[in-house]
Amino acid sequence: MSVSATAMGARLKKPSWKDPRLLVGVLLVLASVVGVISLVGSADQTTEVLAAREAIAVGQKLTPDNVSRVKVRLGDVEQHYITAESGMPEGMVAVQRIGKDQLLPRESLGSVDALDRKPVAITVQEALPEQAVAGTRVDVWVSLPDARNGFAEPRLLLPGAEIAQVTSGSTALGSSKSTVLMVLVGDGQMPAILGAQANEAKISVVWNPGGGAK
């Protein structure tokens, strides 16, 4: 047999499982499959968490009606939010305003006893600034009745009060329009605002772009 025939026979010889080239090829295929599976798995690492269907005001109780489930990627911050797996805490209320479609942060929930501000309804006769919406802050001014001048000079009663809700209202006879604001009031300020309302003070609000108490 010639040398060329011998070489041809070697090339046509059926590969053995002990052939290093075959083993390397198998390992490369396995590594590729593992890589694809790992990539697909990491791309689908989402967590089902609870989100607000509508805006939830301070003091409002969480119920299945005002929350929904959404899948998001949270990564290392997952522990800061309420997940569907952990479930909705029993008897919890919002201690901070939660906007529509916002995920529920754990720090925004607490017991009723933990509320340091409570919503109080005040009626305003004048037109409100267009910026005065739920979640923004306003300065609340009051003018007490005065026998000689009608009303005393206005004084700032609630600086930087957060608005929890805004609704349209009307007088008892329906002849004029008014606006009812739910503002969040601390326990220390509660007697002053309730006293002003009891004395039929005139209440005005001014948008506070600073966003905080003075």
N, C-alpha and C. Protein backbone atom coordinates (compact mmCIF):
# COMPACT_ATOMS: atom_id res chain seq x y z
N MET A 1 0.87 -1.20 0.00
CA MET A 1 0.00 0.00 0.00
C MET A 1 0.89 1.24 0.00
N SER A 2 0.53 2.21 -0.81
CA SER A 2 1.35 3.41 -0.93
C SER A 2 1.15 4.31 0.28
N VAL A 3 2.05 5.31 0.40
CA VAL A 3 1.97 6.27 1.51
C VAL A 3 0.70 7.09 1.41
N SER A 4 0.32 7.48 0.20
CA SER A 4 -0.89 8.29 0.02
C SER A 4 -2.13 7.52 0.39
N ALA A 5 -2.18 6.25 0.09
CA ALA A 5 -3.33 5.42 0.46
C ALA A 5 -3.44 5.30 1.96
N THR A 6 -2.29 5.18 2.63
CA THR A 6 -2.29 5.08 4.10
C THR A 6 -2.84 6.35 4.73
N ALA A 7 -2.43 7.51 4.19
CA ALA A 7 -2.91 8.80 4.71
C ALA A 7 -4.39 8.96 4.49
N MET A 8 -4.85 8.49 3.28
CA MET A 8 -6.28 8.57 2.99
C MET A 8 -7.07 7.73 3.96
N GLY A 9 -6.58 6.55 4.31
CA GLY A 9 -7.28 5.68 5.25
C GLY A 9 -7.34 6.29 6.63
N ALA A 10 -6.30 7.02 7.02
CA ALA A 10 -6.27 7.65 8.34
C ALA A 10 -7.31 8.76 8.42
N ARG A 11 -7.47 9.49 7.29
CA ARG A 11 -8.45 10.57 7.30
C ARG A 11 -9.87 10.04 7.33
N LEU A 12 -10.12 8.87 6.72
CA LEU A 12 -11.46 8.30 6.66
C LEU A 12 -11.79 7.44 7.87
N LYS A 13 -10.83 7.30 8.76
CA LYS A 13 -11.05 6.47 9.94
C LYS A 13 -12.09 7.10 10.86
N LYS A 14 -13.06 6.31 11.34
CA LYS A 14 -14.13 6.79 12.21
C LYS A 14 -13.53 7.39 13.50
N PRO A 15 -13.94 8.64 13.85
CA PRO A 15 -13.36 9.28 15.05
C PRO A 15 -13.71 8.53 16.32
N SER A 16 -12.80 8.53 17.23
CA SER A 16 -12.99 7.85 18.51
C SER A 16 -13.39 8.87 19.57
N TRP A 17 -14.16 8.42 20.60
CA TRP A 17 -14.53 9.30 21.72
C TRP A 17 -13.30 9.80 22.46
N LYS A 18 -12.19 9.11 22.23
CA LYS A 18 -10.96 9.53 22.90
C LYS A 18 -10.22 10.60 22.10
N ASP A 19 -10.77 10.93 20.94
CA ASP A 19 -10.15 11.94 20.10
C ASP A 19 -10.26 13.30 20.80
N PRO A 20 -9.17 13.99 21.12
CA PRO A 20 -9.21 15.27 21.84
C PRO A 20 -10.03 16.33 21.11
N ARG A 21 -9.96 16.30 19.76
CA ARG A 21 -10.70 17.32 19.00
C ARG A 21 -12.20 17.16 19.20
N LEU A 22 -12.67 15.94 19.27
CA LEU A 22 -14.10 15.70 19.48
C LEU A 22 -14.53 16.13 20.87
N LEU A 23 -13.72 15.83 21.85
CA LEU A 23 -14.04 16.22 23.23
C LEU A 23 -14.09 17.74 23.37
N VAL A 24 -13.16 18.44 22.72
CA VAL A 24 -13.15 19.89 22.78
C VAL A 24 -14.41 20.46 22.12
N GLY A 25 -14.82 19.86 21.01
CA GLY A 25 -16.03 20.31 20.33
C GLY A 25 -17.27 20.14 21.19
N VAL A 26 -17.38 18.97 21.86
CA VAL A 26 -18.52 18.72 22.75
C VAL A 26 -18.56 19.73 23.89
N LEU A 27 -17.40 20.02 24.48
CA LEU A 27 -17.33 20.97 25.58
C LEU A 27 -17.73 22.37 25.14
N LEU A 28 -17.34 22.75 23.93
CA LEU A 28 -17.72 24.07 23.41
C LEU A 28 -19.23 24.18 23.21
N VAL A 29 -19.84 23.10 22.72
CA VAL A 29 -21.30 23.10 22.53
C VAL A 29 -22.00 23.20 23.86
N LEU A 30 -21.56 22.42 24.86
CA LEU A 30 -22.17 22.47 26.19
C LEU A 30 -22.03 23.85 26.83
N ALA A 31 -20.86 24.45 26.67
CA ALA A 31 -20.64 25.78 27.24
C ALA A 31 -21.56 26.80 26.58
N SER A 32 -21.78 26.66 25.28
CA SER A 32 -22.67 27.58 24.58
C SER A 32 -24.11 27.43 25.07
N VAL A 33 -24.56 26.19 25.26
CA VAL A 33 -25.92 25.95 25.74
C VAL A 33 -26.11 26.52 27.14
N VAL A 34 -25.14 26.29 28.02
CA VAL A 34 -25.22 26.81 29.39
C VAL A 34 -25.25 28.33 29.38
N GLY A 35 -24.47 28.94 28.51
CA GLY A 35 -24.45 30.40 28.42
C GLY A 35 -25.79 30.97 27.98
N VAL A 36 -26.42 30.32 27.01
CA VAL A 36 -27.72 30.79 26.53
C VAL A 36 -28.77 30.66 27.63
N ILE A 37 -28.77 29.51 28.33
CA ILE A 37 -29.74 29.31 29.41
C ILE A 37 -29.54 30.33 30.52
N SER A 38 -28.30 30.62 30.86
CA SER A 38 -28.01 31.60 31.90
C SER A 38 -28.46 33.00 31.49
N LEU A 39 -28.25 33.34 30.20
CA LEU A 39 -28.64 34.66 29.71
C LEU A 39 -30.15 34.82 29.73
N VAL A 40 -30.87 33.79 29.30
CA VAL A 40 -32.33 33.85 29.30
C VAL A 40 -32.86 33.94 30.72
N GLY A 41 -32.25 33.18 31.65
CA GLY A 41 -32.69 33.20 33.03
C GLY A 41 -32.48 34.55 33.69
N SER A 42 -31.33 35.19 33.42
CA SER A 42 -31.06 36.50 34.03
C SER A 42 -31.96 37.59 33.45
N ALA A 43 -32.37 37.43 32.19
CA ALA A 43 -33.24 38.42 31.57
C ALA A 43 -34.66 38.37 32.14
N ASP A 44 -35.02 37.26 32.79
CA ASP A 44 -36.38 37.12 33.31
C ASP A 44 -36.41 37.16 34.83
N GLN A 45 -35.42 37.80 35.46
CA GLN A 45 -35.37 37.89 36.91
C GLN A 45 -36.22 39.07 37.38
N THR A 46 -37.54 38.93 37.24
CA THR A 46 -38.46 39.97 37.68
C THR A 46 -39.13 39.55 38.97
N THR A 47 -39.63 40.54 39.70
CA THR A 47 -40.32 40.30 40.96
C THR A 47 -41.72 40.89 40.88
N GLU A 48 -42.70 40.16 41.39
CA GLU A 48 -44.06 40.66 41.41
C GLU A 48 -44.26 41.48 42.68
N VAL A 49 -44.55 42.76 42.50
CA VAL A 49 -44.70 43.66 43.64
C VAL A 49 -46.06 44.35 43.57
N LEU A 50 -46.43 45.02 44.67
CA LEU A 50 -47.70 45.72 44.74
C LEU A 50 -47.52 47.18 44.36
N ALA A 51 -48.49 47.70 43.60
CA ALA A 51 -48.47 49.10 43.17
C ALA A 51 -49.85 49.71 43.40
N ALA A 52 -49.90 51.03 43.50
CA ALA A 52 -51.17 51.72 43.75
C ALA A 52 -51.97 51.84 42.46
N ARG A 53 -53.23 51.38 42.48
CA ARG A 53 -54.10 51.56 41.31
C ARG A 53 -54.41 53.05 41.10
N GLU A 54 -54.69 53.74 42.19
CA GLU A 54 -54.94 55.18 42.18
C GLU A 54 -54.10 55.79 43.30
N ALA A 55 -54.05 57.09 43.34
CA ALA A 55 -53.30 57.76 44.40
C ALA A 55 -53.88 57.40 45.77
N ILE A 56 -53.00 57.08 46.71
CA ILE A 56 -53.42 56.70 48.07
C ILE A 56 -53.00 57.82 49.02
N ALA A 57 -53.98 58.40 49.68
CA ALA A 57 -53.72 59.54 50.57
C ALA A 57 -53.20 59.07 51.91
N VAL A 58 -52.57 59.99 52.63
CA VAL A 58 -52.08 59.70 53.98
C VAL A 58 -53.27 59.33 54.87
N GLY A 59 -53.13 58.23 55.60
CA GLY A 59 -54.20 57.76 56.47
C GLY A 59 -55.14 56.78 55.80
N GLN A 60 -55.05 56.64 54.48
CA GLN A 60 -55.94 55.73 53.76
C GLN A 60 -55.47 54.29 53.92
N LYS A 61 -56.42 53.39 54.18
CA LYS A 61 -56.09 52.00 54.41
C LYS A 61 -55.84 51.29 53.09
N LEU A 62 -54.88 50.36 53.11
CA LEU A 62 -54.58 49.58 51.91
C LEU A 62 -55.55 48.40 51.81
N THR A 63 -56.15 48.23 50.65
CA THR A 63 -57.09 47.13 50.40
C THR A 63 -56.79 46.53 49.04
N PRO A 64 -57.33 45.33 48.76
CA PRO A 64 -57.14 44.75 47.42
C PRO A 64 -57.72 45.62 46.31
N ASP A 65 -58.62 46.53 46.65
CA ASP A 65 -59.26 47.39 45.65
C ASP A 65 -58.36 48.53 45.18
N ASN A 66 -57.43 48.97 46.03
CA ASN A 66 -56.61 50.11 45.62
C ASN A 66 -55.15 49.75 45.32
N VAL A 67 -54.86 48.44 45.23
CA VAL A 67 -53.52 48.02 44.83
C VAL A 67 -53.62 46.99 43.71
N SER A 68 -52.56 46.86 42.95
CA SER A 68 -52.49 45.86 41.90
C SER A 68 -51.11 45.22 41.92
N ARG A 69 -50.95 44.16 41.12
CA ARG A 69 -49.67 43.45 41.06
C ARG A 69 -48.99 43.76 39.73
N VAL A 70 -47.70 44.05 39.80
CA VAL A 70 -46.91 44.30 38.59
C VAL A 70 -45.58 43.58 38.72
N LYS A 71 -45.01 43.22 37.56
CA LYS A 71 -43.71 42.56 37.54
C LYS A 71 -42.65 43.57 37.12
N VAL A 72 -41.64 43.71 37.96
CA VAL A 72 -40.55 44.65 37.69
C VAL A 72 -39.23 44.02 38.11
N ARG A 73 -38.15 44.60 37.61
CA ARG A 73 -36.81 44.19 38.04
C ARG A 73 -36.34 45.16 39.11
N LEU A 74 -36.13 44.66 40.32
CA LEU A 74 -35.75 45.52 41.44
C LEU A 74 -34.30 45.33 41.86
N GLY A 75 -33.77 44.15 41.63
CA GLY A 75 -32.39 43.91 42.02
C GLY A 75 -32.16 44.04 43.51
N ASP A 76 -31.16 44.83 43.89
CA ASP A 76 -30.76 44.94 45.29
C ASP A 76 -31.73 45.76 46.14
N VAL A 77 -32.68 46.45 45.53
CA VAL A 77 -33.60 47.30 46.30
C VAL A 77 -34.93 46.61 46.58
N GLU A 78 -35.03 45.33 46.28
CA GLU A 78 -36.29 44.61 46.45
C GLU A 78 -36.81 44.68 47.88
N GLN A 79 -35.91 44.67 48.86
CA GLN A 79 -36.33 44.65 50.27
C GLN A 79 -37.05 45.93 50.69
N HIS A 80 -36.98 46.97 49.87
CA HIS A 80 -37.61 48.26 50.23
C HIS A 80 -39.06 48.35 49.77
N TYR A 81 -39.56 47.33 49.08
CA TYR A 81 -40.92 47.39 48.53
C TYR A 81 -41.74 46.18 48.98
N ILE A 82 -43.08 46.34 48.91
CA ILE A 82 -43.99 45.27 49.28
C ILE A 82 -44.15 44.33 48.09
N THR A 83 -43.73 43.08 48.25
CA THR A 83 -43.84 42.11 47.17
C THR A 83 -45.13 41.31 47.31
N ALA A 84 -45.56 40.71 46.19
CA ALA A 84 -46.76 39.88 46.22
C ALA A 84 -46.52 38.64 47.09
N GLU A 85 -45.28 38.17 47.14
CA GLU A 85 -44.96 36.99 47.95
C GLU A 85 -45.10 37.28 49.43
N SER A 86 -44.64 38.45 49.86
CA SER A 86 -44.76 38.80 51.29
C SER A 86 -46.20 39.13 51.66
N GLY A 87 -46.97 39.60 50.68
CA GLY A 87 -48.39 39.90 50.94
C GLY A 87 -48.59 41.28 51.53
N MET A 88 -49.82 41.75 51.46
CA MET A 88 -50.15 43.08 51.97
C MET A 88 -50.27 43.03 53.49
N PRO A 89 -49.55 43.88 54.20
CA PRO A 89 -49.62 43.87 55.67
C PRO A 89 -51.03 44.15 56.17
N GLU A 90 -51.43 43.50 57.24
CA GLU A 90 -52.76 43.67 57.80
C GLU A 90 -52.88 45.02 58.51
N GLY A 91 -53.97 45.73 58.24
CA GLY A 91 -54.29 46.95 58.97
C GLY A 91 -53.36 48.11 58.73
N MET A 92 -52.56 48.07 57.66
CA MET A 92 -51.62 49.15 57.40
C MET A 92 -52.31 50.31 56.66
N VAL A 93 -51.86 51.52 56.94
CA VAL A 93 -52.33 52.70 56.23
C VAL A 93 -51.13 53.43 55.65
N ALA A 94 -51.39 54.32 54.72
CA ALA A 94 -50.32 55.11 54.14
C ALA A 94 -49.92 56.22 55.11
N VAL A 95 -48.64 56.30 55.44
CA VAL A 95 -48.15 57.40 56.27
C VAL A 95 -47.49 58.47 55.42
N GLN A 96 -47.36 58.19 54.12
CA GLN A 96 -46.92 59.17 53.13
C GLN A 96 -47.81 58.99 51.90
N ARG A 97 -47.99 60.04 51.15
CA ARG A 97 -48.80 59.93 49.94
C ARG A 97 -48.13 59.02 48.93
N ILE A 98 -48.91 58.12 48.31
CA ILE A 98 -48.40 57.20 47.30
C ILE A 98 -49.12 57.53 45.99
N GLY A 99 -48.37 57.88 44.97
CA GLY A 99 -48.96 58.28 43.70
C GLY A 99 -49.50 57.11 42.91
N LYS A 100 -50.35 57.42 41.94
CA LYS A 100 -50.94 56.40 41.08
C LYS A 100 -49.84 55.64 40.34
N ASP A 101 -49.95 54.31 40.30
CA ASP A 101 -49.01 53.40 39.64
C ASP A 101 -47.66 53.32 40.34
N GLN A 102 -47.50 53.99 41.46
CA GLN A 102 -46.23 53.93 42.19
C GLN A 102 -46.15 52.62 42.97
N LEU A 103 -44.94 52.02 42.99
CA LEU A 103 -44.73 50.83 43.81
C LEU A 103 -44.88 51.20 45.28
N LEU A 104 -45.31 50.23 46.10
CA LEU A 104 -45.54 50.52 47.51
C LEU A 104 -44.25 50.40 48.31
N PRO A 105 -43.65 51.52 48.72
CA PRO A 105 -42.45 51.45 49.55
C PRO A 105 -42.83 51.05 50.98
N ARG A 106 -42.03 50.23 51.59
CA ARG A 106 -42.31 49.80 52.97
C ARG A 106 -42.33 50.99 53.92
N GLU A 107 -41.48 51.99 53.68
CA GLU A 107 -41.40 53.14 54.59
C GLU A 107 -42.64 54.03 54.49
N SER A 108 -43.47 53.84 53.44
CA SER A 108 -44.68 54.65 53.28
C SER A 108 -45.88 54.05 53.99
N LEU A 109 -45.70 52.90 54.63
CA LEU A 109 -46.80 52.22 55.30
C LEU A 109 -46.54 52.15 56.80
N GLY A 110 -47.61 52.16 57.56
CA GLY A 110 -47.49 52.06 59.01
C GLY A 110 -48.86 51.89 59.64
N SER A 111 -48.87 51.86 60.94
CA SER A 111 -50.14 51.73 61.67
C SER A 111 -50.77 53.11 61.83
N VAL A 112 -52.04 53.14 62.18
CA VAL A 112 -52.73 54.41 62.40
C VAL A 112 -52.04 55.20 63.52
N ASP A 113 -51.56 54.50 64.54
CA ASP A 113 -50.89 55.16 65.66
C ASP A 113 -49.59 55.85 65.23
N ALA A 114 -49.02 55.40 64.11
CA ALA A 114 -47.75 55.97 63.66
C ALA A 114 -47.94 57.28 62.88
N LEU A 115 -49.18 57.64 62.59
CA LEU A 115 -49.43 58.87 61.84
C LEU A 115 -49.08 60.09 62.69
N ASP A 116 -48.17 60.91 62.20
CA ASP A 116 -47.85 62.15 62.91
C ASP A 116 -48.59 63.35 62.31
N ARG A 117 -49.31 63.11 61.23
CA ARG A 117 -50.16 64.14 60.61
C ARG A 117 -51.50 63.50 60.27
N LYS A 118 -52.55 64.28 60.44
CA LYS A 118 -53.89 63.76 60.16
C LYS A 118 -54.60 64.71 59.21
N PRO A 119 -55.41 64.16 58.28
CA PRO A 119 -56.10 65.02 57.32
C PRO A 119 -57.24 65.80 57.95
N VAL A 120 -57.27 67.10 57.66
CA VAL A 120 -58.34 67.98 58.15
C VAL A 120 -58.93 68.69 56.94
N ALA A 121 -60.26 68.74 56.86
CA ALA A 121 -60.93 69.40 55.74
C ALA A 121 -61.07 70.89 56.03
N ILE A 122 -60.65 71.72 55.08
CA ILE A 122 -60.84 73.17 55.18
C ILE A 122 -61.53 73.63 53.89
N THR A 123 -62.43 74.58 54.03
CA THR A 123 -63.17 75.10 52.88
C THR A 123 -62.61 76.46 52.48
N VAL A 124 -62.30 76.59 51.20
CA VAL A 124 -61.72 77.82 50.67
C VAL A 124 -62.69 78.39 49.63
N GLN A 125 -63.02 79.66 49.79
CA GLN A 125 -63.98 80.30 48.88
C GLN A 125 -63.30 80.84 47.61
N GLU A 126 -62.05 81.32 47.74
CA GLU A 126 -61.37 81.87 46.57
C GLU A 126 -60.87 80.77 45.65
N ALA A 127 -60.58 81.17 44.41
CA ALA A 127 -60.01 80.22 43.45
C ALA A 127 -58.62 79.80 43.92
N LEU A 128 -58.32 78.54 43.75
CA LEU A 128 -57.01 78.02 44.17
C LEU A 128 -55.98 78.22 43.07
N PRO A 129 -54.72 78.35 43.44
CA PRO A 129 -53.66 78.33 42.42
C PRO A 129 -53.70 76.99 41.69
N GLU A 130 -53.43 77.00 40.40
CA GLU A 130 -53.49 75.76 39.63
C GLU A 130 -52.46 74.74 40.11
N GLN A 131 -51.42 75.21 40.78
CA GLN A 131 -50.40 74.27 41.29
C GLN A 131 -50.85 73.55 42.56
N ALA A 132 -51.95 74.01 43.16
CA ALA A 132 -52.39 73.42 44.42
C ALA A 132 -53.16 72.13 44.15
N VAL A 133 -52.42 71.04 44.04
CA VAL A 133 -53.00 69.72 43.80
C VAL A 133 -52.50 68.77 44.88
N ALA A 134 -53.10 67.59 44.93
CA ALA A 134 -52.69 66.60 45.94
C ALA A 134 -51.20 66.32 45.84
N GLY A 135 -50.54 66.33 46.99
CA GLY A 135 -49.11 66.07 47.04
C GLY A 135 -48.27 67.33 47.11
N THR A 136 -48.84 68.50 46.77
CA THR A 136 -48.09 69.76 46.88
C THR A 136 -48.37 70.40 48.24
N ARG A 137 -47.69 71.50 48.50
CA ARG A 137 -47.83 72.16 49.81
C ARG A 137 -48.32 73.59 49.65
N VAL A 138 -49.06 74.03 50.63
CA VAL A 138 -49.60 75.39 50.64
C VAL A 138 -49.43 75.99 52.04
N ASP A 139 -49.39 77.32 52.08
CA ASP A 139 -49.46 78.04 53.34
C ASP A 139 -50.92 78.37 53.62
N VAL A 140 -51.41 78.04 54.80
CA VAL A 140 -52.81 78.30 55.15
C VAL A 140 -52.87 79.53 56.05
N TRP A 141 -53.59 80.55 55.56
CA TRP A 141 -53.77 81.80 56.29
C TRP A 141 -55.20 81.90 56.80
N VAL A 142 -55.40 82.48 57.98
CA VAL A 142 -56.75 82.63 58.53
C VAL A 142 -56.97 84.07 58.98
N SER A 143 -58.22 84.51 58.83
CA SER A 143 -58.64 85.83 59.33
C SER A 143 -59.84 85.61 60.24
N LEU A 144 -59.67 85.90 61.52
CA LEU A 144 -60.76 85.72 62.48
C LEU A 144 -61.78 86.85 62.34
N PRO A 145 -63.06 86.57 62.62
CA PRO A 145 -64.09 87.63 62.55
C PRO A 145 -63.76 88.78 63.50
N ASP A 146 -64.04 89.99 63.04
CA ASP A 146 -63.80 91.19 63.84
C ASP A 146 -65.07 92.04 63.80
N ALA A 147 -65.55 92.44 64.97
CA ALA A 147 -66.83 93.16 65.04
C ALA A 147 -66.78 94.49 64.30
N ARG A 148 -65.63 95.17 64.28
CA ARG A 148 -65.54 96.49 63.66
C ARG A 148 -65.19 96.41 62.17
N ASN A 149 -64.24 95.56 61.85
CA ASN A 149 -63.71 95.54 60.48
C ASN A 149 -64.14 94.32 59.67
N GLY A 150 -65.00 93.52 60.19
CA GLY A 150 -65.41 92.31 59.47
C GLY A 150 -64.50 91.14 59.78
N PHE A 151 -63.22 91.29 59.41
CA PHE A 151 -62.24 90.24 59.70
C PHE A 151 -60.93 90.88 60.13
N ALA A 152 -60.24 90.21 61.03
CA ALA A 152 -58.94 90.70 61.50
C ALA A 152 -57.90 90.49 60.41
N GLU A 153 -56.73 91.06 60.63
CA GLU A 153 -55.64 90.91 59.66
C GLU A 153 -55.25 89.43 59.54
N PRO A 154 -55.06 88.94 58.32
CA PRO A 154 -54.71 87.52 58.14
C PRO A 154 -53.39 87.18 58.83
N ARG A 155 -53.33 85.97 59.33
CA ARG A 155 -52.08 85.48 59.92
C ARG A 155 -51.81 84.07 59.42
N LEU A 156 -50.54 83.76 59.28
CA LEU A 156 -50.14 82.45 58.79
C LEU A 156 -50.34 81.41 59.89
N LEU A 157 -51.19 80.43 59.62
CA LEU A 157 -51.50 79.42 60.63
C LEU A 157 -50.77 78.11 60.36
N LEU A 158 -50.79 77.66 59.10
CA LEU A 158 -50.15 76.39 58.75
C LEU A 158 -49.17 76.61 57.61
N PRO A 159 -47.89 76.78 57.92
CA PRO A 159 -46.91 76.94 56.84
C PRO A 159 -46.55 75.58 56.23
N GLY A 160 -46.55 75.52 54.90
CA GLY A 160 -46.10 74.31 54.21
C GLY A 160 -46.95 73.09 54.49
N ALA A 161 -48.28 73.26 54.57
CA ALA A 161 -49.16 72.11 54.81
C ALA A 161 -49.33 71.31 53.52
N GLU A 162 -49.20 70.00 53.62
CA GLU A 162 -49.34 69.14 52.44
C GLU A 162 -50.81 68.88 52.14
N ILE A 163 -51.16 68.99 50.86
CA ILE A 163 -52.52 68.71 50.43
C ILE A 163 -52.67 67.21 50.20
N ALA A 164 -53.67 66.62 50.85
CA ALA A 164 -53.95 65.19 50.65
C ALA A 164 -54.99 64.97 49.56
N GLN A 165 -55.93 65.91 49.43
CA GLN A 165 -57.01 65.73 48.46
C GLN A 165 -57.65 67.09 48.17
N VAL A 166 -58.15 67.25 46.95
CA VAL A 166 -58.85 68.47 46.54
C VAL A 166 -60.19 68.07 45.92
N THR A 167 -61.29 68.62 46.43
CA THR A 167 -62.61 68.35 45.86
C THR A 167 -63.39 69.64 45.74
N SER A 168 -64.23 69.71 44.73
CA SER A 168 -65.09 70.89 44.55
C SER A 168 -66.28 70.80 45.47
N GLY A 169 -66.71 71.96 45.98
CA GLY A 169 -67.86 72.01 46.88
C GLY A 169 -68.76 73.17 46.51
N SER A 170 -69.74 73.44 47.34
CA SER A 170 -70.64 74.58 47.12
C SER A 170 -71.22 74.99 48.46
N THR A 171 -71.81 76.16 48.50
CA THR A 171 -72.44 76.62 49.73
C THR A 171 -73.72 75.84 49.97
N ALA A 172 -74.31 76.05 51.14
CA ALA A 172 -75.51 75.29 51.50
C ALA A 172 -76.64 75.51 50.51
N LEU A 173 -76.74 76.74 49.95
CA LEU A 173 -77.80 77.04 48.99
C LEU A 173 -77.37 76.77 47.55
N GLY A 174 -76.12 76.39 47.38
CA GLY A 174 -75.63 76.08 46.05
C GLY A 174 -75.42 77.29 45.17
N SER A 175 -75.38 78.49 45.77
CA SER A 175 -75.29 79.71 44.98
C SER A 175 -73.86 80.05 44.59
N SER A 176 -72.89 79.56 45.31
CA SER A 176 -71.50 79.86 44.99
C SER A 176 -70.64 78.62 45.18
N LYS A 177 -69.57 78.59 44.44
CA LYS A 177 -68.68 77.45 44.49
C LYS A 177 -67.59 77.64 45.54
N SER A 178 -67.12 76.55 46.07
CA SER A 178 -66.01 76.57 47.01
C SER A 178 -65.16 75.33 46.75
N THR A 179 -64.04 75.26 47.42
CA THR A 179 -63.14 74.11 47.28
C THR A 179 -62.84 73.56 48.66
N VAL A 180 -62.93 72.27 48.79
CA VAL A 180 -62.60 71.61 50.05
C VAL A 180 -61.24 70.96 49.92
N LEU A 181 -60.33 71.38 50.76
CA LEU A 181 -58.98 70.81 50.79
C LEU A 181 -58.83 69.91 52.00
N MET A 182 -58.26 68.76 51.78
CA MET A 182 -57.84 67.92 52.89
C MET A 182 -56.35 68.18 53.07
N VAL A 183 -55.99 68.86 54.17
CA VAL A 183 -54.58 69.15 54.43
C VAL A 183 -54.12 68.33 55.63
N LEU A 184 -52.85 67.97 55.62
CA LEU A 184 -52.28 67.16 56.69
C LEU A 184 -51.77 68.06 57.81
N VAL A 185 -52.28 67.83 59.01
CA VAL A 185 -52.00 68.70 60.14
C VAL A 185 -51.39 67.88 61.28
N GLY A 186 -50.30 68.39 61.84
CA GLY A 186 -49.69 67.74 63.00
C GLY A 186 -50.51 67.95 64.25
N ASP A 187 -50.34 67.08 65.23
CA ASP A 187 -51.12 67.18 66.47
C ASP A 187 -50.93 68.52 67.17
N GLY A 188 -49.73 69.07 67.09
CA GLY A 188 -49.47 70.34 67.75
C GLY A 188 -50.20 71.51 67.12
N GLN A 189 -50.51 71.41 65.83
CA GLN A 189 -51.20 72.49 65.12
C GLN A 189 -52.72 72.29 65.09
N MET A 190 -53.16 71.12 65.53
CA MET A 190 -54.58 70.78 65.41
C MET A 190 -55.50 71.76 66.17
N PRO A 191 -55.21 72.13 67.43
CA PRO A 191 -56.12 73.04 68.13
C PRO A 191 -56.31 74.38 67.41
N ALA A 192 -55.23 74.90 66.81
CA ALA A 192 -55.31 76.20 66.16
C ALA A 192 -56.23 76.17 64.95
N ILE A 193 -56.08 75.15 64.09
CA ILE A 193 -56.91 75.10 62.89
C ILE A 193 -58.36 74.77 63.24
N LEU A 194 -58.58 73.90 64.20
CA LEU A 194 -59.95 73.57 64.60
C LEU A 194 -60.61 74.77 65.29
N GLY A 195 -59.83 75.53 66.06
CA GLY A 195 -60.38 76.72 66.70
C GLY A 195 -60.75 77.78 65.68
N ALA A 196 -59.92 77.95 64.65
CA ALA A 196 -60.23 78.92 63.61
C ALA A 196 -61.51 78.55 62.88
N GLN A 197 -61.69 77.25 62.61
CA GLN A 197 -62.90 76.82 61.93
C GLN A 197 -64.13 77.01 62.83
N ALA A 198 -63.97 76.71 64.12
CA ALA A 198 -65.09 76.86 65.05
C ALA A 198 -65.53 78.32 65.16
N ASN A 199 -64.58 79.26 64.98
CA ASN A 199 -64.89 80.69 65.06
C ASN A 199 -65.22 81.28 63.69
N GLU A 200 -65.43 80.41 62.70
CA GLU A 200 -65.84 80.82 61.36
C GLU A 200 -64.85 81.81 60.74
N ALA A 201 -63.59 81.49 60.89
CA ALA A 201 -62.55 82.33 60.29
C ALA A 201 -62.57 82.18 58.77
N LYS A 202 -62.11 83.22 58.10
CA LYS A 202 -61.95 83.15 56.66
C LYS A 202 -60.59 82.52 56.38
N ILE A 203 -60.60 81.47 55.54
CA ILE A 203 -59.37 80.71 55.30
C ILE A 203 -58.92 80.91 53.86
N SER A 204 -57.65 81.20 53.68
CA SER A 204 -57.06 81.34 52.35
C SER A 204 -55.80 80.49 52.29
N VAL A 205 -55.47 80.04 51.10
CA VAL A 205 -54.25 79.25 50.93
C VAL A 205 -53.39 79.87 49.84
N VAL A 206 -52.09 79.76 50.02
CA VAL A 206 -51.10 80.27 49.07
C VAL A 206 -50.16 79.12 48.73
N TRP A 207 -49.99 78.87 47.46
CA TRP A 207 -49.09 77.78 47.05
C TRP A 207 -47.68 78.06 47.56
N ASN A 208 -47.09 77.03 48.15
CA ASN A 208 -45.74 77.15 48.71
C ASN A 208 -44.77 76.37 47.82
N PRO A 209 -44.11 77.02 46.87
CA PRO A 209 -43.23 76.30 45.95
C PRO A 209 -42.02 75.69 46.64
N GLY A 210 -41.70 76.17 47.86
CA GLY A 210 -40.58 75.59 48.60
C GLY A 210 -40.85 74.17 49.02
N GLY A 211 -42.11 73.85 49.20
CA GLY A 211 -42.48 72.47 49.49
C GLY A 211 -42.34 72.04 50.92
N GLY A 212 -41.88 72.90 51.81
CA GLY A 212 -41.70 72.50 53.20
C GLY A 212 -42.14 73.57 54.16
N ALA A 213 -42.23 73.19 55.41
CA ALA A 213 -42.63 74.16 56.44
C ALA A 213 -41.54 75.19 56.63
N LYS A 214 -41.95 76.39 56.94
CA LYS A 214 -40.97 77.46 57.17
C LYS A 214 -40.45 77.42 58.58
